[in-house]
Amino acid sequence: MTFVLMLGSAPMATETAHWPRAFDALVAINNAWRVRADWDFSIYPWDFPPDRVAVPGQHQALVTEADFVPAQNRYGGFVYAGATMAYTAAYWALDALKPRVLAVFGCDMHYPAGQTHFYGVGTPDPLRRDITLRSLEAKSVRLIVLAALQGCAVVNLSVGPSRLLCPRAALSDLAVVRPLAFDAGRVAAAQAREAELGYFAPSGRYWEDLSAYDVAEIDRLDALWLACLP
């Protein structure tokens, strides 16, 4: 698959309602399936309210933890990847769809005062106190690098403040964007440290035994990933 658009629930998400279908697949996170009727995959967590789950039509599919936990595990697991749906959806897309370009919109994890989501005021999940989300920026670098290693460029179509460190792009740029360059030696060091720490929960429910993880080590690991981009 060439171009995948991953749509979040930021207030700007509604702008995509009139976008041309310039992508091969649309992955809608949580409530974002409401923005465009032509979504292909609706992905949501285990605690998503049942009355908000999309009803898939022909050629549409729901993506649940039965699908994304194994996918996330193939990229090192939730502790290293960052346990918020923006990153979970991105890793699932890399695993299941294998795009050449993963373009994200409305997933900036930036929450100014007032309306936080296109449907009103929601809970800023990525800002909760969680051992996997201590540096959203470091987690974004990890995603960018692991995507690049499989030949995929991750770009941000949003404008304005963002916690994502991937390059900005326009919808019209997708044919020419390329994976971001990175420091291979530092990436190898970060991956080696992940292997040494062994912070892995096969079920995805890392929070069931937080004593297994050292926050200081996670912070050091985040610093290693942050140093991987020029």
Protein backbone atom coordinates (compact mmCIF):
# COMPACT_ATOMS: atom_id res chain seq x y z
CA MET A 1 0.00 0.00 0.00
CA THR A 2 1.32 3.44 -0.89
CA PHE A 3 -0.44 6.24 1.02
CA VAL A 4 -2.23 5.80 4.35
CA LEU A 5 -3.99 8.68 6.09
CA MET A 6 -4.32 8.32 9.86
CA LEU A 7 -6.99 10.62 11.26
CA GLY A 8 -7.26 11.71 14.89
CA SER A 9 -9.89 13.65 16.80
CA ALA A 10 -8.37 17.12 17.05
CA PRO A 11 -10.76 20.02 16.31
CA MET A 12 -9.15 20.41 12.88
CA ALA A 13 -10.14 16.84 11.92
CA THR A 14 -13.34 18.09 10.29
CA GLU A 15 -11.25 19.85 7.64
CA THR A 16 -10.64 16.46 6.03
CA ALA A 17 -14.35 15.99 5.28
CA HIS A 18 -13.90 17.72 1.93
CA TRP A 19 -10.43 16.43 1.08
CA PRO A 20 -10.08 14.47 -2.17
CA ARG A 21 -9.45 10.77 -1.81
CA ALA A 22 -5.69 11.16 -2.39
CA PHE A 23 -4.75 8.15 -0.25
CA ASP A 24 -5.16 4.40 -0.46
CA ALA A 25 -6.52 3.81 3.02
CA LEU A 26 -7.99 5.89 5.83
CA VAL A 27 -7.38 4.75 9.41
CA ALA A 28 -9.73 6.55 11.80
CA ILE A 29 -8.82 6.63 15.49
CA ASN A 30 -11.58 6.43 18.12
CA ASN A 31 -14.35 8.86 17.09
CA ALA A 32 -12.67 10.06 13.89
CA TRP A 33 -14.72 7.66 11.74
CA ARG A 34 -17.53 10.21 12.10
CA VAL A 35 -15.64 12.75 10.00
CA ARG A 36 -15.56 10.85 6.70
CA ALA A 37 -17.87 8.09 5.53
CA ASP A 38 -15.14 6.57 3.35
CA TRP A 39 -12.95 5.37 6.22
CA ASP A 40 -11.39 1.93 5.74
CA PHE A 41 -10.33 1.02 9.27
CA SER A 42 -11.75 2.24 12.59
CA ILE A 43 -9.34 1.56 15.45
CA TYR A 44 -10.23 1.95 19.12
CA PRO A 45 -9.10 0.67 22.56
CA TRP A 46 -10.70 -1.95 24.79
CA ASP A 47 -12.42 0.68 26.98
CA PHE A 48 -13.98 2.65 24.11
CA PRO A 49 -17.72 3.23 24.79
CA PRO A 50 -19.74 0.62 22.84
CA ASP A 51 -22.26 3.21 21.68
CA ARG A 52 -19.46 5.08 19.88
CA VAL A 53 -18.16 2.12 17.92
CA ALA A 54 -18.65 2.49 14.16
CA VAL A 55 -20.88 0.13 12.20
CA PRO A 56 -18.70 -1.02 9.32
CA GLY A 57 -20.03 -1.12 5.81
CA GLN A 58 -18.77 -3.11 2.87
CA HIS A 59 -14.97 -3.05 2.63
CA GLN A 60 -14.67 -1.40 6.08
CA ALA A 61 -13.17 -3.06 9.16
CA LEU A 62 -12.93 -2.52 12.90
CA VAL A 63 -9.49 -2.84 14.51
CA THR A 64 -9.44 -3.85 18.18
CA GLU A 65 -6.85 -4.96 20.71
CA ALA A 66 -7.03 -8.46 19.24
CA ASP A 67 -5.44 -6.92 16.15
CA PHE A 68 -3.21 -4.13 17.44
CA VAL A 69 -1.64 -5.78 20.50
CA PRO A 70 0.19 -8.42 18.41
CA ALA A 71 1.13 -5.72 15.88
CA GLN A 72 2.50 -3.45 18.61
CA ASN A 73 4.42 -6.35 20.10
CA ARG A 74 6.18 -6.91 16.80
CA TYR A 75 7.58 -3.39 17.19
CA GLY A 76 8.76 -3.87 20.77
CA GLY A 77 5.55 -3.46 22.76
CA PHE A 78 3.61 -0.68 24.44
CA VAL A 79 6.20 0.39 27.02
CA TYR A 80 8.66 1.36 24.31
CA ALA A 81 6.16 2.55 21.71
CA GLY A 82 3.97 4.74 23.91
CA ALA A 83 0.53 3.57 25.01
CA THR A 84 -1.74 6.12 23.41
CA MET A 85 -3.93 5.43 20.39
CA ALA A 86 -2.04 7.71 18.00
CA TYR A 87 1.08 5.57 18.35
CA THR A 88 -0.84 2.31 18.61
CA ALA A 89 -2.71 3.05 15.38
CA ALA A 90 0.51 4.06 13.64
CA TYR A 91 2.31 0.84 14.53
CA TRP A 92 -0.72 -1.21 13.55
CA ALA A 93 -0.76 0.55 10.17
CA LEU A 94 2.95 -0.10 9.67
CA ASP A 95 2.45 -3.77 10.46
CA ALA A 96 -0.83 -4.47 8.67
CA LEU A 97 -0.78 -2.05 5.74
CA LYS A 98 2.95 -1.54 5.18
CA PRO A 99 2.57 1.88 3.54
CA ARG A 100 5.24 3.86 1.77
CA VAL A 101 3.86 7.01 3.39
CA LEU A 102 1.97 7.25 6.67
CA ALA A 103 0.39 10.71 6.79
CA VAL A 104 -1.18 11.80 10.08
CA PHE A 105 -3.70 14.55 10.68
CA GLY A 106 -5.35 15.69 13.89
CA CYS A 107 -2.99 13.59 16.03
CA ASP A 108 -0.77 16.34 17.45
CA MET A 109 -1.47 15.55 21.12
CA HIS A 110 -1.58 19.28 21.81
CA TYR A 111 -4.47 20.42 23.98
CA PRO A 112 -5.02 24.17 24.31
CA ALA A 113 -7.80 25.54 26.53
CA GLY A 114 -11.32 25.08 25.25
CA GLN A 115 -12.44 22.54 22.68
CA THR A 116 -10.00 19.64 22.63
CA HIS A 117 -11.64 17.34 20.07
CA PHE A 118 -13.79 17.90 16.98
CA TYR A 119 -16.84 16.67 18.91
CA GLY A 120 -16.27 18.95 21.90
CA VAL A 121 -14.17 18.51 25.04
CA GLY A 122 -12.62 15.12 25.55
CA THR A 123 -10.05 13.53 27.83
CA PRO A 124 -6.47 14.29 26.70
CA ASP A 125 -5.37 10.66 26.93
CA PRO A 126 -1.73 11.22 25.86
CA LEU A 127 -1.21 13.64 28.75
CA ARG A 128 -2.17 11.20 31.50
CA ARG A 129 0.52 10.24 34.01
CA ASP A 130 1.84 7.04 32.49
CA ILE A 131 5.29 5.45 32.38
CA THR A 132 5.04 4.97 28.61
CA LEU A 133 4.19 8.60 27.84
CA ARG A 134 6.85 10.53 29.71
CA SER A 135 8.21 11.91 26.43
CA LEU A 136 5.72 11.99 23.58
CA GLU A 137 8.46 13.49 21.43
CA ALA A 138 10.83 10.56 22.03
CA LYS A 139 8.07 8.10 21.17
CA SER A 140 7.45 9.98 17.92
CA VAL A 141 11.14 9.72 16.99
CA ARG A 142 11.06 5.99 17.64
CA LEU A 143 8.03 5.64 15.37
CA ILE A 144 9.66 7.72 12.61
CA VAL A 145 12.84 5.63 12.74
CA LEU A 146 11.18 2.21 12.84
CA ALA A 147 8.96 3.28 9.95
CA ALA A 148 12.00 4.46 7.98
CA LEU A 149 13.69 1.11 8.57
CA GLN A 150 10.89 -0.51 6.59
CA GLY A 151 10.91 2.17 3.90
CA CYS A 152 8.00 4.26 5.17
CA ALA A 153 7.97 8.03 5.60
CA VAL A 154 5.87 9.40 8.46
CA VAL A 155 4.65 12.96 7.86
CA ASN A 156 2.33 15.35 9.66
CA LEU A 157 -0.32 17.07 7.55
CA SER A 158 -1.49 19.23 10.47
CA VAL A 159 -0.45 22.82 11.05
CA GLY A 160 0.15 24.42 14.42
CA PRO A 161 1.77 23.09 17.60
CA SER A 162 2.49 19.38 17.74
CA ARG A 163 4.21 16.87 20.00
CA LEU A 164 5.13 14.86 16.91
CA LEU A 165 8.62 15.48 15.55
CA CYS A 166 7.98 14.11 12.06
CA PRO A 167 8.30 16.41 9.04
CA ARG A 168 5.36 18.55 7.92
CA ALA A 169 3.82 17.95 4.52
CA ALA A 170 0.78 18.76 2.42
CA LEU A 171 -1.58 16.23 0.88
CA SER A 172 -0.13 17.13 -2.52
CA ASP A 173 3.39 16.23 -1.31
CA LEU A 174 2.76 12.55 -0.63
CA ALA A 175 4.17 11.32 -3.93
CA VAL A 176 7.57 12.89 -3.26
CA VAL A 177 8.16 12.53 0.50
CA ARG A 178 10.84 10.10 1.61
CA PRO A 179 11.76 8.50 4.96
CA LEU A 180 13.67 10.81 7.28
CA ALA A 181 17.41 10.27 7.71
CA PHE A 182 18.59 9.08 11.12
CA ASP A 183 21.79 8.23 12.99
CA ALA A 184 22.14 4.46 12.50
CA GLY A 185 24.65 4.09 15.33
CA ARG A 186 22.40 5.79 17.85
CA VAL A 187 19.40 3.79 16.69
CA ALA A 188 21.37 0.60 17.21
CA ALA A 189 22.28 1.76 20.72
CA ALA A 190 18.64 2.54 21.57
CA GLN A 191 17.46 -0.81 20.28
CA ALA A 192 20.22 -2.62 22.16
CA ARG A 193 19.18 -0.88 25.37
CA GLU A 194 15.56 -1.89 24.81
CA ALA A 195 16.67 -5.50 24.47
CA GLU A 196 18.78 -5.27 27.64
CA LEU A 197 15.92 -3.81 29.69
CA GLY A 198 13.41 -6.37 28.44
CA TYR A 199 10.40 -4.19 29.24
CA PHE A 200 7.82 -6.31 27.47
CA ALA A 201 4.25 -7.26 28.37
CA PRO A 202 2.85 -9.71 25.79
CA SER A 203 -0.75 -8.98 26.81
CA GLY A 204 -0.20 -5.27 26.27
CA ARG A 205 -1.39 -4.61 29.83
CA TYR A 206 1.90 -3.35 31.23
CA TRP A 207 0.06 -1.44 33.99
CA GLU A 208 -0.79 -4.68 35.77
CA ASP A 209 2.78 -4.84 37.13
CA LEU A 210 4.37 -1.39 37.16
CA SER A 211 7.04 -2.60 39.58
CA ALA A 212 8.70 -4.29 36.60
CA TYR A 213 9.73 -0.95 35.12
CA ASP A 214 12.24 1.66 36.24
CA VAL A 215 11.11 5.17 35.30
CA ALA A 216 14.68 6.45 35.30
CA GLU A 217 15.65 3.80 32.75
CA ILE A 218 12.69 4.75 30.57
CA ASP A 219 13.80 8.39 30.69
CA ARG A 220 17.33 7.41 29.66
CA LEU A 221 15.93 5.33 26.82
CA ASP A 222 13.78 8.25 25.66
CA ALA A 223 16.91 10.40 25.61
CA LEU A 224 18.64 7.83 23.40
CA TRP A 225 15.77 7.93 20.89
CA LEU A 226 15.63 11.71 20.89
CA ALA A 227 19.28 11.78 19.83
CA CYS A 228 18.63 9.60 16.77
CA LEU A 229 17.42 12.34 14.42
CA PRO A 230 19.68 15.04 12.98
